[in-house]
């Protein structure tokens, strides 16, 4: 059960990282629009939350 959750979180992190890479390619080197920054902030926040949940899951597994 815990391994399944961990695999899902890792897959979700990978998917978000891919979206971040795609978004970075869309951002022009000059005159970055606020919408690009907002999307990056959202994606990075999502990735941070997923990484935090993964760390909590790892910690719970270590304490079990």
PDB file of N, CA and C in Angstrom:
ATOM      1  N   UNK A   1       0.821  -1.198   0.000  1.00  0.00           N
ATOM      2  CA  UNK A   1       0.000   0.000   0.000  1.00  0.00           C
ATOM      3  C   UNK A   1       0.864   1.260   0.000  1.00  0.00           C
ATOM      4  N   UNK A   2       1.847   1.303   0.900  1.00  0.00           N
ATOM      5  CA  UNK A   2       2.705   2.475   0.982  1.00  0.00           C
ATOM      6  C   UNK A   2       3.562   2.607  -0.279  1.00  0.00           C
ATOM      7  N   UNK A   3       4.024   1.464  -0.801  1.00  0.00           N
ATOM      8  CA  UNK A   3       4.836   1.502  -2.026  1.00  0.00           C
ATOM      9  C   UNK A   3       4.015   2.022  -3.201  1.00  0.00           C
ATOM     10  N   UNK A   4       2.745   1.660  -3.236  1.00  0.00           N
ATOM     11  CA  UNK A   4       1.868   2.121  -4.311  1.00  0.00           C
ATOM     12  C   UNK A   4       1.689   3.638  -4.236  1.00  0.00           C
ATOM     13  N   UNK A   5       1.503   4.164  -3.038  1.00  0.00           N
ATOM     14  CA  UNK A   5       1.376   5.616  -2.857  1.00  0.00           C
ATOM     15  C   UNK A   5       2.664   6.315  -3.273  1.00  0.00           C
ATOM     16  N   UNK A   6       3.794   5.706  -2.890  1.00  0.00           N
ATOM     17  CA  UNK A   6       5.091   6.290  -3.225  1.00  0.00           C
ATOM     18  C   UNK A   6       5.285   6.327  -4.747  1.00  0.00           C
ATOM     19  N   UNK A   7       4.923   5.242  -5.416  1.00  0.00           N
ATOM     20  CA  UNK A   7       5.049   5.190  -6.876  1.00  0.00           C
ATOM     21  C   UNK A   7       4.160   6.245  -7.537  1.00  0.00           C
ATOM     22  N   UNK A   8       2.944   6.417  -7.016  1.00  0.00           N
ATOM     23  CA  UNK A   8       2.039   7.432  -7.574  1.00  0.00           C
ATOM     24  C   UNK A   8       2.591   8.833  -7.378  1.00  0.00           C
ATOM     25  N   UNK A   9       3.153   9.086  -6.199  1.00  0.00           N
ATOM     26  CA  UNK A   9       3.740  10.403  -5.949  1.00  0.00           C
ATOM     27  C   UNK A   9       4.940  10.645  -6.854  1.00  0.00           C
ATOM     28  N   UNK A  10       5.782   9.639  -7.025  1.00  0.00           N
ATOM     29  CA  UNK A  10       6.945   9.790  -7.914  1.00  0.00           C
ATOM     30  C   UNK A  10       6.506  10.047  -9.353  1.00  0.00           C
ATOM     31  N   UNK A  11       5.457   9.358  -9.792  1.00  0.00           N
ATOM     32  CA  UNK A  11       4.935   9.573 -11.144  1.00  0.00           C
ATOM     33  C   UNK A  11       4.359  10.977 -11.276  1.00  0.00           C
ATOM     34  N   UNK A  12       3.671  11.434 -10.250  1.00  0.00           N
ATOM     35  CA  UNK A  12       3.101  12.782 -10.284  1.00  0.00           C
ATOM     36  C   UNK A  12       4.198  13.840 -10.316  1.00  0.00           C
ATOM     37  N   UNK A  13       5.258  13.628  -9.532  1.00  0.00           N
ATOM     38  CA  UNK A  13       6.387  14.564  -9.529  1.00  0.00           C
ATOM     39  C   UNK A  13       7.031  14.604 -10.907  1.00  0.00           C
ATOM     40  N   UNK A  14       7.209  13.451 -11.517  1.00  0.00           N
ATOM     41  CA  UNK A  14       7.805  13.398 -12.854  1.00  0.00           C
ATOM     42  C   UNK A  14       6.930  14.146 -13.862  1.00  0.00           C
ATOM     43  N   UNK A  15       5.615  13.960 -13.776  1.00  0.00           N
ATOM     44  CA  UNK A  15       4.699  14.638 -14.696  1.00  0.00           C
ATOM     45  C   UNK A  15       4.759  16.155 -14.515  1.00  0.00           C
ATOM     46  N   UNK A  16       4.818  16.601 -13.270  1.00  0.00           N
ATOM     47  CA  UNK A  16       4.904  18.044 -13.011  1.00  0.00           C
ATOM     48  C   UNK A  16       6.237  18.586 -13.514  1.00  0.00           C
ATOM     49  N   UNK A  17       7.319  17.834 -13.304  1.00  0.00           N
ATOM     50  CA  UNK A  17       8.627  18.266 -13.814  1.00  0.00           C
ATOM     51  C   UNK A  17       8.607  18.409 -15.334  1.00  0.00           C
ATOM     52  N   UNK A  18       7.924  17.501 -16.010  1.00  0.00           N
ATOM     53  CA  UNK A  18       7.807  17.592 -17.467  1.00  0.00           C
ATOM     54  C   UNK A  18       7.010  18.829 -17.872  1.00  0.00           C
ATOM     55  N   UNK A  19       5.953  19.138 -17.132  1.00  0.00           N
ATOM     56  CA  UNK A  19       5.160  20.337 -17.416  1.00  0.00           C
ATOM     57  C   UNK A  19       5.986  21.590 -17.179  1.00  0.00           C
ATOM     58  N   UNK A  20       6.823  21.569 -16.135  1.00  0.00           N
ATOM     59  CA  UNK A  20       7.701  22.710 -15.870  1.00  0.00           C
ATOM     60  C   UNK A  20       8.682  22.893 -17.027  1.00  0.00           C
ATOM     61  N   UNK A  21       9.259  21.806 -17.501  1.00  0.00           N
ATOM     62  CA  UNK A  21      10.179  21.881 -18.644  1.00  0.00           C
ATOM     63  C   UNK A  21       9.482  22.460 -19.867  1.00  0.00           C
ATOM     64  N   UNK A  22       8.255  21.992 -20.140  1.00  0.00           N
ATOM     65  CA  UNK A  22       7.487  22.501 -21.282  1.00  0.00           C
ATOM     66  C   UNK A  22       7.213  23.993 -21.123  1.00  0.00           C
ATOM     67  N   UNK A  23       6.828  24.389 -19.914  1.00  0.00           N
ATOM     68  CA  UNK A  23       6.523  25.805 -19.671  1.00  0.00           C
ATOM     69  C   UNK A  23       7.768  26.662 -19.836  1.00  0.00           C
ATOM     70  N   UNK A  24       8.914  26.174 -19.366  1.00  0.00           N
ATOM     71  CA  UNK A  24      10.162  26.929 -19.509  1.00  0.00           C
ATOM     72  C   UNK A  24      10.488  27.170 -20.984  1.00  0.00           C
ATOM     73  N   UNK A  25      10.170  26.201 -21.836  1.00  0.00           N
ATOM     74  CA  UNK A  25      10.428  26.358 -23.270  1.00  0.00           C
ATOM     75  C   UNK A  25       9.515  27.398 -23.893  1.00  0.00           C
ATOM     76  N   UNK A  26       8.329  27.597 -23.302  1.00  0.00           N
ATOM     77  CA  UNK A  26       7.379  28.577 -23.829  1.00  0.00           C
ATOM     78  C   UNK A  26       7.720  30.012 -23.435  1.00  0.00           C
ATOM     79  N   UNK A  27       8.515  30.152 -22.381  1.00  0.00           N
ATOM     80  CA  UNK A  27       8.823  31.498 -21.887  1.00  0.00           C
ATOM     81  C   UNK A  27       9.883  32.132 -22.783  1.00  0.00           C
ATOM     82  N   UNK A  28       9.550  33.276 -23.342  1.00  0.00           N
ATOM     83  CA  UNK A  28      10.545  33.963 -24.194  1.00  0.00           C
ATOM     84  C   UNK A  28      11.683  34.519 -23.333  1.00  0.00           C
ATOM     85  N   UNK A  29      12.873  34.633 -23.922  1.00  0.00           N
ATOM     86  CA  UNK A  29      14.014  35.123 -23.143  1.00  0.00           C
ATOM     87  C   UNK A  29      13.854  36.580 -22.697  1.00  0.00           C
ATOM     88  N   UNK A  30      13.021  37.337 -23.417  1.00  0.00           N
ATOM     89  CA  UNK A  30      12.785  38.743 -23.073  1.00  0.00           C
ATOM     90  C   UNK A  30      11.284  38.968 -22.955  1.00  0.00           C
ATOM     91  N   UNK A  31      10.907  39.951 -22.216  1.00  0.00           N
ATOM     92  CA  UNK A  31       9.508  40.344 -22.059  1.00  0.00           C
ATOM     93  C   UNK A  31       8.631  39.188 -21.567  1.00  0.00           C
ATOM     94  N   UNK A  32       9.015  38.621 -20.457  1.00  0.00           N
ATOM     95  CA  UNK A  32       8.253  37.532 -19.869  1.00  0.00           C
ATOM     96  C   UNK A  32       6.918  38.088 -19.368  1.00  0.00           C
ATOM     97  N   UNK A  33       5.837  37.434 -19.763  1.00  0.00           N
ATOM     98  CA  UNK A  33       4.506  37.887 -19.373  1.00  0.00           C
ATOM     99  C   UNK A  33       4.151  37.319 -18.004  1.00  0.00           C
ATOM    100  N   UNK A  34       3.349  38.066 -17.250  1.00  0.00           N
ATOM    101  CA  UNK A  34       2.951  37.612 -15.916  1.00  0.00           C
ATOM    102  C   UNK A  34       2.294  36.236 -15.914  1.00  0.00           C
ATOM    103  N   UNK A  35       1.576  35.904 -16.966  1.00  0.00           N
ATOM    104  CA  UNK A  35       0.911  34.606 -17.025  1.00  0.00           C
ATOM    105  C   UNK A  35       1.925  33.465 -16.999  1.00  0.00           C
ATOM    106  N   UNK A  36       3.064  33.663 -17.636  1.00  0.00           N
ATOM    107  CA  UNK A  36       4.114  32.639 -17.627  1.00  0.00           C
ATOM    108  C   UNK A  36       4.657  32.442 -16.207  1.00  0.00           C
ATOM    109  N   UNK A  37       4.855  33.542 -15.515  1.00  0.00           N
ATOM    110  CA  UNK A  37       5.361  33.475 -14.145  1.00  0.00           C
ATOM    111  C   UNK A  37       4.329  32.785 -13.243  1.00  0.00           C
ATOM    112  N   UNK A  38       3.056  33.117 -13.430  1.00  0.00           N
ATOM    113  CA  UNK A  38       1.993  32.524 -12.607  1.00  0.00           C
ATOM    114  C   UNK A  38       1.919  31.012 -12.817  1.00  0.00           C
ATOM    115  N   UNK A  39       2.019  30.577 -14.065  1.00  0.00           N
ATOM    116  CA  UNK A  39       1.967  29.143 -14.352  1.00  0.00           C
ATOM    117  C   UNK A  39       3.166  28.436 -13.723  1.00  0.00           C
ATOM    118  N   UNK A  40       4.338  29.026 -13.846  1.00  0.00           N
ATOM    119  CA  UNK A  40       5.534  28.419 -13.247  1.00  0.00           C
ATOM    120  C   UNK A  40       5.400  28.342 -11.729  1.00  0.00           C
ATOM    121  N   UNK A  41       4.879  29.413 -11.125  1.00  0.00           N
ATOM    122  CA  UNK A  41       4.693  29.408  -9.671  1.00  0.00           C
ATOM    123  C   UNK A  41       3.743  28.297  -9.245  1.00  0.00           C
ATOM    124  N   UNK A  42       2.647  28.138  -9.979  1.00  0.00           N
ATOM    125  CA  UNK A  42       1.689  27.077  -9.668  1.00  0.00           C
ATOM    126  C   UNK A  42       2.327  25.696  -9.771  1.00  0.00           C
ATOM    127  N   UNK A  43       3.034  25.465 -10.872  1.00  0.00           N
ATOM    128  CA  UNK A  43       3.662  24.167 -11.075  1.00  0.00           C
ATOM    129  C   UNK A  43       4.723  23.876 -10.023  1.00  0.00           C
ATOM    130  N   UNK A  44       5.517  24.877  -9.703  1.00  0.00           N
ATOM    131  CA  UNK A  44       6.564  24.677  -8.701  1.00  0.00           C
ATOM    132  C   UNK A  44       5.971  24.442  -7.314  1.00  0.00           C
ATOM    133  N   UNK A  45       4.870  25.131  -7.009  1.00  0.00           N
ATOM    134  CA  UNK A  45       4.197  24.904  -5.725  1.00  0.00           C
ATOM    135  C   UNK A  45       3.629  23.490  -5.653  1.00  0.00           C
ATOM    136  N   UNK A  46       3.057  23.040  -6.759  1.00  0.00           N
ATOM    137  CA  UNK A  46       2.522  21.685  -6.811  1.00  0.00           C
ATOM    138  C   UNK A  46       3.632  20.662  -6.616  1.00  0.00           C
ATOM    139  N   UNK A  47       4.749  20.876  -7.306  1.00  0.00           N
ATOM    140  CA  UNK A  47       5.888  19.956  -7.156  1.00  0.00           C
ATOM    141  C   UNK A  47       6.397  19.953  -5.716  1.00  0.00           C
ATOM    142  N   UNK A  48       6.502  21.129  -5.105  1.00  0.00           N
ATOM    143  CA  UNK A  48       6.960  21.212  -3.715  1.00  0.00           C
ATOM    144  C   UNK A  48       6.032  20.445  -2.781  1.00  0.00           C
ATOM    145  N   UNK A  49       4.726  20.568  -3.007  1.00  0.00           N
ATOM    146  CA  UNK A  49       3.758  19.848  -2.169  1.00  0.00           C
ATOM    147  C   UNK A  49       3.892  18.338  -2.348  1.00  0.00           C
ATOM    148  N   UNK A  50       4.079  17.884  -3.573  1.00  0.00           N
ATOM    149  CA  UNK A  50       4.239  16.457  -3.837  1.00  0.00           C
ATOM    150  C   UNK A  50       5.518  15.921  -3.198  1.00  0.00           C
ATOM    151  N   UNK A  51       6.591  16.674  -3.291  1.00  0.00           N
ATOM    152  CA  UNK A  51       7.861  16.271  -2.685  1.00  0.00           C
ATOM    153  C   UNK A  51       7.710  16.208  -1.163  1.00  0.00           C
ATOM    154  N   UNK A  52       6.993  17.167  -0.583  1.00  0.00           N
ATOM    155  CA  UNK A  52       6.754  17.171   0.859  1.00  0.00           C
ATOM    156  C   UNK A  52       5.961  15.928   1.271  1.00  0.00           C
ATOM    157  N   UNK A  53       4.919  15.603   0.509  1.00  0.00           N
ATOM    158  CA  UNK A  53       4.114  14.415   0.820  1.00  0.00           C
ATOM    159  C   UNK A  53       4.950  13.141   0.700  1.00  0.00           C
ATOM    160  N   UNK A  54       5.828  13.092  -0.289  1.00  0.00           N
ATOM    161  CA  UNK A  54       6.699  11.933  -0.460  1.00  0.00           C
ATOM    162  C   UNK A  54       7.644  11.797   0.741  1.00  0.00           C
ATOM    163  N   UNK A  55       8.196  12.914   1.186  1.00  0.00           N
ATOM    164  CA  UNK A  55       9.097  12.889   2.345  1.00  0.00           C
ATOM    165  C   UNK A  55       8.346  12.424   3.600  1.00  0.00           C
ATOM    166  N   UNK A  56       7.111  12.888   3.759  1.00  0.00           N
ATOM    167  CA  UNK A  56       6.310  12.466   4.909  1.00  0.00           C
ATOM    168  C   UNK A  56       6.018  10.969   4.837  1.00  0.00           C
ATOM    169  N   UNK A  57       5.747  10.484   3.645  1.00  0.00           N
ATOM    170  CA  UNK A  57       5.488   9.054   3.461  1.00  0.00           C
ATOM    171  C   UNK A  57       6.731   8.239   3.781  1.00  0.00           C
ATOM    172  N   UNK A  58       7.889   8.707   3.314  1.00  0.00           N
ATOM    173  CA  UNK A  58       9.156   8.037   3.614  1.00  0.00           C
ATOM    174  C   UNK A  58       9.423   8.025   5.117  1.00  0.00           C
ATOM    175  N   UNK A  59       9.147   9.152   5.768  1.00  0.00           N
ATOM    176  CA  UNK A  59       9.365   9.252   7.214  1.00  0.00           C
ATOM    177  C   UNK A  59       8.433   8.297   7.956  1.00  0.00           C
ATOM    178  N   UNK A  60       7.182   8.233   7.519  1.00  0.00           N
ATOM    179  CA  UNK A  60       6.224   7.315   8.147  1.00  0.00           C
ATOM    180  C   UNK A  60       6.657   5.867   7.963  1.00  0.00           C
ATOM    181  N   UNK A  61       7.196   5.564   6.796  1.00  0.00           N
ATOM    182  CA  UNK A  61       7.674   4.197   6.526  1.00  0.00           C
ATOM    183  C   UNK A  61       8.888   3.839   7.360  1.00  0.00           C
ATOM    184  N   UNK A  62       9.731   4.826   7.614  1.00  0.00           N
ATOM    185  CA  UNK A  62      10.932   4.587   8.419  1.00  0.00           C
ATOM    186  C   UNK A  62      10.575   4.369   9.887  1.00  0.00           C
ATOM    187  N   UNK A  63       9.488   4.989  10.315  1.00  0.00           N
ATOM    188  CA  UNK A  63       9.055   4.869  11.705  1.00  0.00           C
ATOM    189  C   UNK A  63       8.200   3.629  11.951  1.00  0.00           C
ATOM    190  N   UNK A  64       7.783   2.979  10.859  1.00  0.00           N
ATOM    191  CA  UNK A  64       6.895   1.804  11.022  1.00  0.00           C
ATOM    192  C   UNK A  64       7.643   0.569  11.444  1.00  0.00           C
TER     193      UNK A  64
END
